[in-house]
Amino acid sequence: MKQFKKGEIPDLSYQLAVKKPIPVRFIQMREPFEVETLHGSFRGKAGDYLMVGMEGELYPCDKTIFEKTYEVLQPASSSL
């Protein structure tokens, strides 16, 4: 079994890929919250986002991560 250490990128022949643009529902929370996810219970801080995934799963997203990785679609679509 190969093992990879945190912070060390192995010297392998990597390919490049771009993540598909998959719209998700979200809401920015004004207060701390806790949500049961597919991987256990997680907490979000006030200002973090509650996300609804493709399969209807809920998960928190840190405000800084959300703002770096998501672009808000305008106008909001209720069909998702």
Protein backbone atom coordinates (compact mmCIF):
# COMPACT_ATOMS: atom_id res chain seq x y z
CA MET A 1 0.00 0.00 0.00
CA LYS A 2 1.37 3.42 -0.95
CA GLN A 3 1.48 6.04 1.76
CA PHE A 4 1.46 9.79 1.26
CA LYS A 5 2.48 12.28 3.91
CA LYS A 6 0.76 15.53 4.66
CA GLY A 7 2.48 18.47 3.00
CA GLU A 8 4.56 16.32 0.63
CA ILE A 9 3.47 16.08 -3.00
CA PRO A 10 4.76 12.82 -4.52
CA ASP A 11 6.73 12.97 -7.77
CA LEU A 12 4.13 11.36 -10.07
CA SER A 13 2.84 12.05 -13.61
CA TYR A 14 -0.23 14.15 -12.78
CA GLN A 15 -2.96 15.14 -15.23
CA LEU A 16 -4.99 18.34 -14.97
CA ALA A 17 -8.76 18.53 -14.52
CA VAL A 18 -11.30 21.28 -13.82
CA LYS A 19 -14.19 20.68 -11.47
CA LYS A 20 -17.53 20.67 -13.28
CA PRO A 21 -19.77 23.65 -12.56
CA ILE A 22 -22.49 22.00 -10.49
CA PRO A 23 -24.98 24.44 -8.95
CA VAL A 24 -25.76 23.93 -5.25
CA ARG A 25 -28.23 25.58 -2.92
CA PHE A 26 -26.85 27.56 0.00
CA ILE A 27 -27.72 30.05 2.69
CA GLN A 28 -25.40 32.14 4.84
CA MET A 29 -26.17 31.50 8.51
CA ARG A 30 -26.34 34.36 10.99
CA GLU A 31 -25.70 32.18 14.02
CA PRO A 32 -23.58 29.13 14.87
CA PHE A 33 -25.11 25.85 13.69
CA GLU A 34 -24.61 22.10 13.70
CA VAL A 35 -25.56 19.75 10.88
CA GLU A 36 -25.54 15.97 10.47
CA THR A 37 -23.62 15.11 7.29
CA LEU A 38 -22.73 11.89 5.50
CA HIS A 39 -19.47 11.96 7.53
CA GLY A 40 -20.85 12.79 10.99
CA SER A 41 -21.92 15.97 12.76
CA PHE A 42 -20.14 19.22 11.93
CA ARG A 43 -20.46 22.74 13.25
CA GLY A 44 -20.53 26.00 11.36
CA LYS A 45 -19.83 29.47 12.70
CA ALA A 46 -21.99 32.56 12.30
CA GLY A 47 -21.28 33.76 8.74
CA ASP A 48 -20.56 30.26 7.38
CA TYR A 49 -22.82 28.69 4.78
CA LEU A 50 -25.25 25.78 4.97
CA MET A 51 -25.03 23.91 1.66
CA VAL A 52 -27.38 21.39 0.00
CA GLY A 53 -25.50 18.91 -2.20
CA MET A 54 -26.53 17.09 -5.36
CA GLU A 55 -28.11 14.21 -3.44
CA GLY A 56 -29.89 16.44 -0.91
CA GLU A 57 -27.13 16.07 1.68
CA LEU A 58 -26.44 19.00 4.02
CA TYR A 59 -22.99 20.27 4.94
CA PRO A 60 -21.36 23.43 6.30
CA CYS A 61 -18.92 25.52 4.28
CA ASP A 62 -16.53 27.98 5.88
CA LYS A 63 -17.20 31.59 4.77
CA THR A 64 -13.63 32.10 3.49
CA ILE A 65 -13.68 28.83 1.49
CA PHE A 66 -17.12 29.64 0.05
CA GLU A 67 -16.02 33.07 -1.11
CA LYS A 68 -12.84 31.68 -2.73
CA THR A 69 -14.47 28.75 -4.53
CA TYR A 70 -18.09 29.62 -5.35
CA GLU A 71 -19.65 32.19 -7.66
CA VAL A 72 -23.23 33.13 -6.81
CA LEU A 73 -25.59 32.69 -9.76
CA GLN A 74 -27.96 35.57 -10.49
CA PRO A 75 -30.89 35.47 -10.33
CA ALA A 76 -31.34 32.73 -7.73
CA SER A 77 -32.96 29.63 -9.17
CA SER A 78 -35.60 27.79 -7.16
CA SER A 79 -35.49 24.75 -9.48
CA LEU A 80 -32.33 23.24 -7.94
